[in-house]
């Protein structure tokens, strides 16, 4: 298969607030826009925010729904972490190291956008854990038995 980019559409309550968080806060480039939708570039991937009139409710935890980026270089993860801090975006979960000394060890932080969409940004210490390490019986915080 040739290279492809990821596309994600998600709900928001208004476009100006969306642009402040994603463009000014995270640094996404803004593409086409209407009063009810905006296309954004998140590290080469297409995000499309659609205005909805339905109530947007926060989740009780990071599961089951969140999206974000897996960085290939730790320095890039640090740059975004520092940008988030400098732009005074609130962490949903502060930066931390998860699963130290395991193949799935990774640096992570979570944000909640103004509409309760959760975003995770992470860097795996062992790149093979991104899609591999299938012998590890854990995905996220859950261990299968």
N, C-alpha and C. Protein backbone atom coordinates (compact mmCIF):
# COMPACT_ATOMS: atom_id res chain seq x y z
N UNK A 1 0.84 -1.18 0.00
CA UNK A 1 0.00 0.00 0.00
C UNK A 1 0.89 1.24 0.00
N UNK A 2 0.51 2.23 -0.76
CA UNK A 2 1.26 3.48 -0.77
C UNK A 2 0.98 4.26 0.50
N UNK A 3 1.77 5.28 0.73
CA UNK A 3 1.60 6.11 1.92
C UNK A 3 0.22 6.76 1.93
N UNK A 4 -0.33 6.94 3.09
CA UNK A 4 -1.64 7.56 3.25
C UNK A 4 -1.62 8.46 4.47
N UNK A 5 -2.55 9.38 4.51
CA UNK A 5 -2.69 10.22 5.69
C UNK A 5 -3.99 9.84 6.38
N UNK A 6 -4.03 10.08 7.67
CA UNK A 6 -5.19 9.75 8.47
C UNK A 6 -6.17 10.90 8.44
N UNK A 7 -7.46 10.58 8.46
CA UNK A 7 -8.55 11.56 8.48
C UNK A 7 -9.42 11.27 9.69
N UNK A 8 -9.74 12.30 10.44
CA UNK A 8 -10.63 12.15 11.60
C UNK A 8 -11.60 13.32 11.63
N UNK A 9 -12.90 13.02 11.71
CA UNK A 9 -13.93 14.04 11.89
C UNK A 9 -14.45 13.92 13.32
N UNK A 10 -14.70 15.07 13.95
CA UNK A 10 -15.13 15.05 15.34
C UNK A 10 -16.01 16.26 15.63
N UNK A 11 -16.82 16.18 16.70
CA UNK A 11 -17.78 17.25 16.98
C UNK A 11 -17.20 18.39 17.80
N UNK A 12 -17.66 19.59 17.49
CA UNK A 12 -17.33 20.80 18.25
C UNK A 12 -18.58 21.66 18.34
N UNK A 13 -18.54 22.66 19.20
CA UNK A 13 -19.68 23.55 19.38
C UNK A 13 -19.57 24.82 18.53
N UNK A 14 -18.34 25.26 18.23
CA UNK A 14 -18.18 26.45 17.39
C UNK A 14 -16.78 26.46 16.77
N UNK A 15 -16.67 27.16 15.65
CA UNK A 15 -15.42 27.18 14.90
C UNK A 15 -14.37 28.12 15.51
N UNK A 16 -14.72 29.33 15.96
CA UNK A 16 -13.66 30.19 16.53
C UNK A 16 -12.93 29.55 17.72
N UNK A 17 -13.65 28.91 18.62
CA UNK A 17 -13.01 28.25 19.77
C UNK A 17 -12.15 27.09 19.29
N UNK A 18 -12.63 26.37 18.31
CA UNK A 18 -11.87 25.25 17.73
C UNK A 18 -10.54 25.76 17.18
N UNK A 19 -10.57 26.84 16.43
CA UNK A 19 -9.35 27.38 15.83
C UNK A 19 -8.39 27.89 16.90
N UNK A 20 -8.89 28.48 17.96
CA UNK A 20 -8.00 28.94 19.04
C UNK A 20 -7.25 27.76 19.66
N UNK A 21 -7.97 26.68 19.95
CA UNK A 21 -7.33 25.54 20.59
C UNK A 21 -6.37 24.83 19.63
N UNK A 22 -6.86 24.47 18.46
CA UNK A 22 -6.07 23.64 17.56
C UNK A 22 -5.01 24.42 16.78
N UNK A 23 -5.32 25.60 16.30
CA UNK A 23 -4.34 26.38 15.53
C UNK A 23 -3.40 27.15 16.45
N UNK A 24 -3.96 28.02 17.29
CA UNK A 24 -3.11 28.82 18.18
C UNK A 24 -2.46 27.95 19.26
N UNK A 25 -3.22 27.02 19.83
CA UNK A 25 -2.69 26.19 20.90
C UNK A 25 -1.74 25.11 20.44
N UNK A 26 -2.22 24.24 19.53
CA UNK A 26 -1.42 23.09 19.09
C UNK A 26 -0.57 23.37 17.86
N UNK A 27 -0.88 24.43 17.12
CA UNK A 27 -0.09 24.75 15.95
C UNK A 27 -0.59 24.13 14.65
N UNK A 28 -1.82 23.67 14.62
CA UNK A 28 -2.39 23.10 13.40
C UNK A 28 -2.59 24.19 12.35
N UNK A 29 -2.28 23.87 11.11
CA UNK A 29 -2.58 24.78 10.00
C UNK A 29 -4.06 24.65 9.67
N UNK A 30 -4.69 25.78 9.36
CA UNK A 30 -6.11 25.80 9.03
C UNK A 30 -6.26 25.70 7.51
N UNK A 31 -7.19 24.84 7.09
CA UNK A 31 -7.49 24.68 5.67
C UNK A 31 -8.85 25.29 5.35
N UNK A 32 -9.63 24.58 4.55
CA UNK A 32 -10.95 25.08 4.17
C UNK A 32 -11.82 25.23 5.41
N UNK A 33 -12.74 26.19 5.31
CA UNK A 33 -13.57 26.50 6.47
C UNK A 33 -14.94 27.00 6.02
N UNK A 34 -15.96 26.60 6.76
CA UNK A 34 -17.31 27.13 6.60
C UNK A 34 -17.78 27.51 8.00
N UNK A 35 -18.95 28.11 8.13
CA UNK A 35 -19.46 28.40 9.48
C UNK A 35 -19.72 27.13 10.31
N UNK A 36 -19.81 25.96 9.65
CA UNK A 36 -20.14 24.75 10.39
C UNK A 36 -19.05 23.68 10.37
N UNK A 37 -17.90 23.97 9.76
CA UNK A 37 -16.82 22.98 9.73
C UNK A 37 -15.49 23.66 9.40
N UNK A 38 -14.41 23.03 9.86
CA UNK A 38 -13.07 23.51 9.53
C UNK A 38 -12.14 22.31 9.38
N UNK A 39 -11.29 22.38 8.37
CA UNK A 39 -10.28 21.35 8.15
C UNK A 39 -8.96 21.87 8.71
N UNK A 40 -8.26 20.98 9.44
CA UNK A 40 -6.99 21.35 10.05
C UNK A 40 -5.94 20.29 9.75
N UNK A 41 -4.69 20.72 9.71
CA UNK A 41 -3.56 19.83 9.47
C UNK A 41 -2.85 19.60 10.81
N UNK A 42 -2.94 18.38 11.30
CA UNK A 42 -2.24 17.98 12.53
C UNK A 42 -1.09 17.07 12.12
N UNK A 43 0.09 17.63 11.98
CA UNK A 43 1.28 16.86 11.64
C UNK A 43 1.09 16.03 10.37
N UNK A 44 0.45 16.64 9.37
CA UNK A 44 0.26 15.96 8.10
C UNK A 44 -1.00 15.12 8.00
N UNK A 45 -1.83 15.14 9.03
CA UNK A 45 -3.08 14.38 9.04
C UNK A 45 -4.27 15.34 9.05
N UNK A 46 -5.37 14.90 8.44
CA UNK A 46 -6.52 15.77 8.27
C UNK A 46 -7.52 15.61 9.41
N UNK A 47 -7.71 16.68 10.17
CA UNK A 47 -8.75 16.75 11.18
C UNK A 47 -9.87 17.62 10.62
N UNK A 48 -11.10 17.19 10.81
CA UNK A 48 -12.24 17.98 10.37
C UNK A 48 -13.19 18.13 11.56
N UNK A 49 -13.31 19.36 12.02
CA UNK A 49 -14.20 19.67 13.14
C UNK A 49 -15.55 20.10 12.57
N UNK A 50 -16.60 19.43 13.01
CA UNK A 50 -17.96 19.71 12.55
C UNK A 50 -18.78 20.24 13.72
N UNK A 51 -19.44 21.37 13.53
CA UNK A 51 -20.31 21.93 14.56
C UNK A 51 -21.54 21.06 14.71
N UNK A 52 -21.86 20.77 15.96
CA UNK A 52 -23.06 20.01 16.26
C UNK A 52 -23.89 20.79 17.28
N UNK A 53 -25.16 20.58 17.25
CA UNK A 53 -26.06 21.18 18.24
C UNK A 53 -26.33 20.22 19.39
N UNK A 54 -25.85 18.99 19.24
CA UNK A 54 -26.03 18.00 20.31
C UNK A 54 -25.12 18.36 21.48
N UNK A 55 -25.56 18.08 22.70
CA UNK A 55 -24.72 18.37 23.86
C UNK A 55 -23.42 17.56 23.81
N UNK A 56 -22.32 18.21 24.13
CA UNK A 56 -21.02 17.55 24.15
C UNK A 56 -20.64 17.30 25.60
N UNK A 57 -20.57 16.05 25.98
CA UNK A 57 -20.35 15.66 27.36
C UNK A 57 -18.94 15.11 27.57
N UNK A 58 -18.32 15.40 28.70
CA UNK A 58 -17.00 14.81 28.97
C UNK A 58 -17.12 13.32 29.26
N UNK A 59 -16.06 12.60 28.92
CA UNK A 59 -15.97 11.18 29.27
C UNK A 59 -15.56 11.08 30.74
N UNK A 60 -15.73 9.90 31.30
CA UNK A 60 -15.32 9.67 32.68
C UNK A 60 -13.84 9.33 32.82
N UNK A 61 -13.21 8.96 31.71
CA UNK A 61 -11.79 8.62 31.73
C UNK A 61 -11.25 8.75 30.31
N UNK A 62 -9.99 8.39 30.12
CA UNK A 62 -9.39 8.46 28.79
C UNK A 62 -9.94 7.37 27.87
N UNK A 63 -10.60 6.38 28.43
CA UNK A 63 -11.17 5.31 27.63
C UNK A 63 -12.68 5.49 27.54
N UNK A 64 -13.30 5.21 26.43
CA UNK A 64 -12.74 4.46 25.31
C UNK A 64 -12.23 5.35 24.18
N UNK A 65 -12.53 6.65 24.19
CA UNK A 65 -12.30 7.45 22.98
C UNK A 65 -11.29 8.56 23.22
N UNK A 66 -10.24 8.54 22.41
CA UNK A 66 -9.28 9.64 22.32
C UNK A 66 -8.49 9.48 21.03
N UNK A 67 -7.82 10.55 20.62
CA UNK A 67 -6.98 10.50 19.43
C UNK A 67 -5.76 11.37 19.66
N UNK A 68 -4.77 11.26 18.79
CA UNK A 68 -3.58 12.07 18.95
C UNK A 68 -2.46 11.64 18.04
N UNK A 69 -1.24 11.82 18.51
CA UNK A 69 -0.05 11.50 17.72
C UNK A 69 0.90 10.62 18.52
N UNK A 70 1.59 9.74 17.80
CA UNK A 70 2.72 8.99 18.34
C UNK A 70 3.96 9.55 17.66
N UNK A 71 4.81 10.19 18.42
CA UNK A 71 6.01 10.81 17.87
C UNK A 71 7.12 9.79 17.67
N UNK A 72 7.88 9.96 16.60
CA UNK A 72 9.01 9.08 16.33
C UNK A 72 10.27 9.54 17.04
N UNK A 73 10.31 10.81 17.42
CA UNK A 73 11.47 11.39 18.11
C UNK A 73 11.01 12.01 19.44
N UNK A 74 11.72 11.69 20.50
CA UNK A 74 11.39 12.23 21.82
C UNK A 74 11.44 13.75 21.81
N UNK A 75 12.40 14.33 21.10
CA UNK A 75 12.53 15.79 21.06
C UNK A 75 11.27 16.44 20.50
N UNK A 76 10.61 15.80 19.54
CA UNK A 76 9.37 16.36 18.97
C UNK A 76 8.24 16.32 20.00
N UNK A 77 8.18 15.25 20.79
CA UNK A 77 7.19 15.15 21.87
C UNK A 77 7.43 16.28 22.88
N UNK A 78 8.71 16.51 23.21
CA UNK A 78 9.06 17.57 24.16
C UNK A 78 8.68 18.95 23.63
N UNK A 79 8.87 19.18 22.34
CA UNK A 79 8.52 20.47 21.74
C UNK A 79 7.02 20.73 21.89
N UNK A 80 6.20 19.72 21.60
CA UNK A 80 4.75 19.92 21.75
C UNK A 80 4.38 20.10 23.22
N UNK A 81 4.95 19.30 24.09
CA UNK A 81 4.69 19.45 25.53
C UNK A 81 5.00 20.87 25.98
N UNK A 82 6.13 21.40 25.54
CA UNK A 82 6.53 22.75 25.92
C UNK A 82 5.61 23.80 25.30
N UNK A 83 5.15 23.56 24.07
CA UNK A 83 4.22 24.49 23.41
C UNK A 83 2.91 24.53 24.19
N UNK A 84 2.41 23.37 24.57
CA UNK A 84 1.17 23.28 25.34
C UNK A 84 1.30 24.07 26.64
N UNK A 85 2.43 23.91 27.31
CA UNK A 85 2.68 24.63 28.56
C UNK A 85 2.76 26.14 28.31
N UNK A 86 3.49 26.55 27.28
CA UNK A 86 3.65 27.97 26.98
C UNK A 86 2.34 28.64 26.57
N UNK A 87 1.44 27.86 25.95
CA UNK A 87 0.15 28.40 25.50
C UNK A 87 -0.93 28.28 26.59
N UNK A 88 -0.52 27.81 27.77
CA UNK A 88 -1.42 27.67 28.91
C UNK A 88 -2.62 26.77 28.64
N UNK A 89 -2.40 25.72 27.82
CA UNK A 89 -3.45 24.72 27.65
C UNK A 89 -3.43 23.83 28.88
N UNK A 90 -4.58 23.41 29.33
CA UNK A 90 -4.67 22.58 30.53
C UNK A 90 -4.48 21.11 30.17
N UNK A 91 -3.63 20.46 30.93
CA UNK A 91 -3.45 19.02 30.76
C UNK A 91 -4.63 18.28 31.37
N UNK A 92 -5.19 17.33 30.63
CA UNK A 92 -6.18 16.42 31.18
C UNK A 92 -5.45 15.39 32.05
N UNK A 93 -4.31 14.93 31.55
CA UNK A 93 -3.36 14.15 32.34
C UNK A 93 -1.98 14.73 32.06
N UNK A 94 -1.29 15.12 33.09
CA UNK A 94 0.02 15.75 32.96
C UNK A 94 1.03 14.79 32.32
N UNK A 95 2.08 15.33 31.72
CA UNK A 95 3.12 14.48 31.14
C UNK A 95 3.67 13.51 32.18
N UNK A 96 3.84 12.28 31.71
CA UNK A 96 4.38 11.25 32.60
C UNK A 96 4.97 10.12 31.78
N UNK A 97 5.69 9.25 32.45
CA UNK A 97 6.24 8.04 31.85
C UNK A 97 5.37 6.87 32.29
N UNK A 98 4.80 6.18 31.30
CA UNK A 98 3.96 5.03 31.61
C UNK A 98 4.74 3.75 31.34
N UNK A 99 4.49 2.75 32.15
CA UNK A 99 5.05 1.41 32.02
C UNK A 99 6.57 1.39 31.95
N UNK A 100 7.24 2.07 32.91
CA UNK A 100 8.71 2.08 32.88
C UNK A 100 9.28 0.66 32.94
N UNK A 101 10.38 0.49 32.22
CA UNK A 101 11.13 -0.77 32.16
C UNK A 101 10.39 -1.89 31.44
N UNK A 102 9.28 -1.59 30.77
CA UNK A 102 8.58 -2.58 29.95
C UNK A 102 8.75 -2.21 28.48
N UNK A 103 8.50 -3.15 27.60
CA UNK A 103 8.59 -2.88 26.16
C UNK A 103 7.61 -1.76 25.76
N UNK A 104 6.52 -1.60 26.49
CA UNK A 104 5.50 -0.60 26.18
C UNK A 104 5.76 0.76 26.87
N UNK A 105 6.95 0.93 27.43
CA UNK A 105 7.30 2.19 28.10
C UNK A 105 7.13 3.36 27.14
N UNK A 106 6.41 4.38 27.60
CA UNK A 106 6.25 5.58 26.75
C UNK A 106 5.96 6.82 27.58
N UNK A 107 6.36 7.95 27.01
CA UNK A 107 6.06 9.26 27.58
C UNK A 107 4.72 9.69 27.00
N UNK A 108 3.86 10.26 27.83
CA UNK A 108 2.52 10.61 27.35
C UNK A 108 1.97 11.80 28.10
N UNK A 109 1.06 12.50 27.45
CA UNK A 109 0.19 13.46 28.11
C UNK A 109 -1.11 13.54 27.35
N UNK A 110 -2.15 13.93 28.06
CA UNK A 110 -3.49 14.06 27.49
C UNK A 110 -3.97 15.50 27.63
N UNK A 111 -4.70 15.93 26.63
CA UNK A 111 -5.40 17.22 26.65
C UNK A 111 -6.88 16.96 26.40
N UNK A 112 -7.71 17.86 26.88
CA UNK A 112 -9.13 17.87 26.52
C UNK A 112 -9.36 19.18 25.79
N UNK A 113 -9.91 19.10 24.57
CA UNK A 113 -10.21 20.35 23.88
C UNK A 113 -11.42 21.00 24.54
N UNK A 114 -11.81 22.19 24.14
CA UNK A 114 -12.93 22.87 24.80
C UNK A 114 -14.28 22.15 24.67
N UNK A 115 -14.31 21.09 23.84
CA UNK A 115 -15.56 20.37 23.59
C UNK A 115 -15.51 18.95 24.14
N UNK A 116 -14.54 18.67 24.99
CA UNK A 116 -14.38 17.39 25.69
C UNK A 116 -13.80 16.28 24.82
N UNK A 117 -13.26 16.60 23.65
CA UNK A 117 -12.54 15.60 22.86
C UNK A 117 -11.17 15.43 23.51
N UNK A 118 -10.79 14.19 23.76
CA UNK A 118 -9.51 13.91 24.41
C UNK A 118 -8.44 13.62 23.37
N UNK A 119 -7.26 14.18 23.60
CA UNK A 119 -6.12 13.98 22.71
C UNK A 119 -4.95 13.45 23.52
N UNK A 120 -4.26 12.45 22.97
CA UNK A 120 -3.07 11.91 23.61
C UNK A 120 -1.88 12.10 22.68
N UNK A 121 -0.76 12.47 23.27
CA UNK A 121 0.49 12.65 22.53
C UNK A 121 1.54 11.81 23.24
N UNK A 122 2.19 10.90 22.48
CA UNK A 122 3.11 9.99 23.15
C UNK A 122 4.33 9.67 22.31
N UNK A 123 5.34 9.18 23.01
CA UNK A 123 6.59 8.73 22.41
C UNK A 123 6.97 7.41 23.07
N UNK A 124 7.11 6.37 22.26
CA UNK A 124 7.51 5.06 22.76
C UNK A 124 9.02 4.97 22.81
N UNK A 125 9.55 4.53 23.95
CA UNK A 125 10.98 4.33 24.12
C UNK A 125 11.46 3.21 23.20
N UNK A 126 10.62 2.20 23.00
CA UNK A 126 10.93 1.06 22.13
C UNK A 126 9.97 1.11 20.94
N UNK A 127 10.42 1.58 19.78
CA UNK A 127 9.51 1.77 18.65
C UNK A 127 8.74 0.52 18.24
N UNK A 128 9.29 -0.66 18.50
CA UNK A 128 8.59 -1.89 18.12
C UNK A 128 7.27 -2.07 18.88
N UNK A 129 7.09 -1.33 19.96
CA UNK A 129 5.86 -1.43 20.74
C UNK A 129 4.69 -0.69 20.07
N UNK A 130 4.98 0.16 19.09
CA UNK A 130 3.91 0.92 18.45
C UNK A 130 2.91 -0.02 17.79
N UNK A 131 3.38 -0.97 17.00
CA UNK A 131 2.50 -1.93 16.34
C UNK A 131 2.83 -3.37 16.70
N UNK A 132 3.97 -3.60 17.31
CA UNK A 132 4.42 -4.95 17.60
C UNK A 132 4.23 -5.32 19.05
N UNK A 133 5.19 -6.07 19.58
CA UNK A 133 5.15 -6.56 20.97
C UNK A 133 3.84 -7.28 21.23
N UNK A 134 3.42 -8.09 20.25
CA UNK A 134 2.13 -8.77 20.35
C UNK A 134 2.07 -9.80 21.47
N UNK A 135 3.21 -10.20 21.98
CA UNK A 135 3.23 -11.15 23.09
C UNK A 135 2.90 -10.49 24.44
N UNK A 136 2.85 -9.15 24.45
CA UNK A 136 2.47 -8.43 25.68
C UNK A 136 0.96 -8.41 25.75
N UNK A 137 0.40 -8.89 26.84
CA UNK A 137 -1.04 -9.00 26.97
C UNK A 137 -1.69 -7.76 27.53
N UNK A 138 -1.28 -6.58 27.04
CA UNK A 138 -1.84 -5.34 27.57
C UNK A 138 -2.02 -4.33 26.44
N UNK A 139 -3.15 -3.67 26.48
CA UNK A 139 -3.39 -2.51 25.62
C UNK A 139 -3.90 -1.42 26.55
N UNK A 140 -3.21 -0.30 26.59
CA UNK A 140 -3.57 0.72 27.57
C UNK A 140 -3.31 0.21 28.96
N UNK A 141 -4.26 0.44 29.84
CA UNK A 141 -4.11 0.01 31.23
C UNK A 141 -4.67 -1.37 31.48
N UNK A 142 -5.24 -1.97 30.46
CA UNK A 142 -5.92 -3.25 30.64
C UNK A 142 -5.01 -4.41 30.26
N UNK A 143 -4.95 -5.41 31.10
CA UNK A 143 -4.18 -6.61 30.85
C UNK A 143 -5.14 -7.74 30.58
N UNK A 144 -4.92 -8.45 29.45
CA UNK A 144 -5.80 -9.60 29.15
C UNK A 144 -5.25 -10.84 29.83
N UNK A 145 -6.14 -11.70 30.21
CA UNK A 145 -5.75 -12.93 30.91
C UNK A 145 -6.31 -14.14 30.18
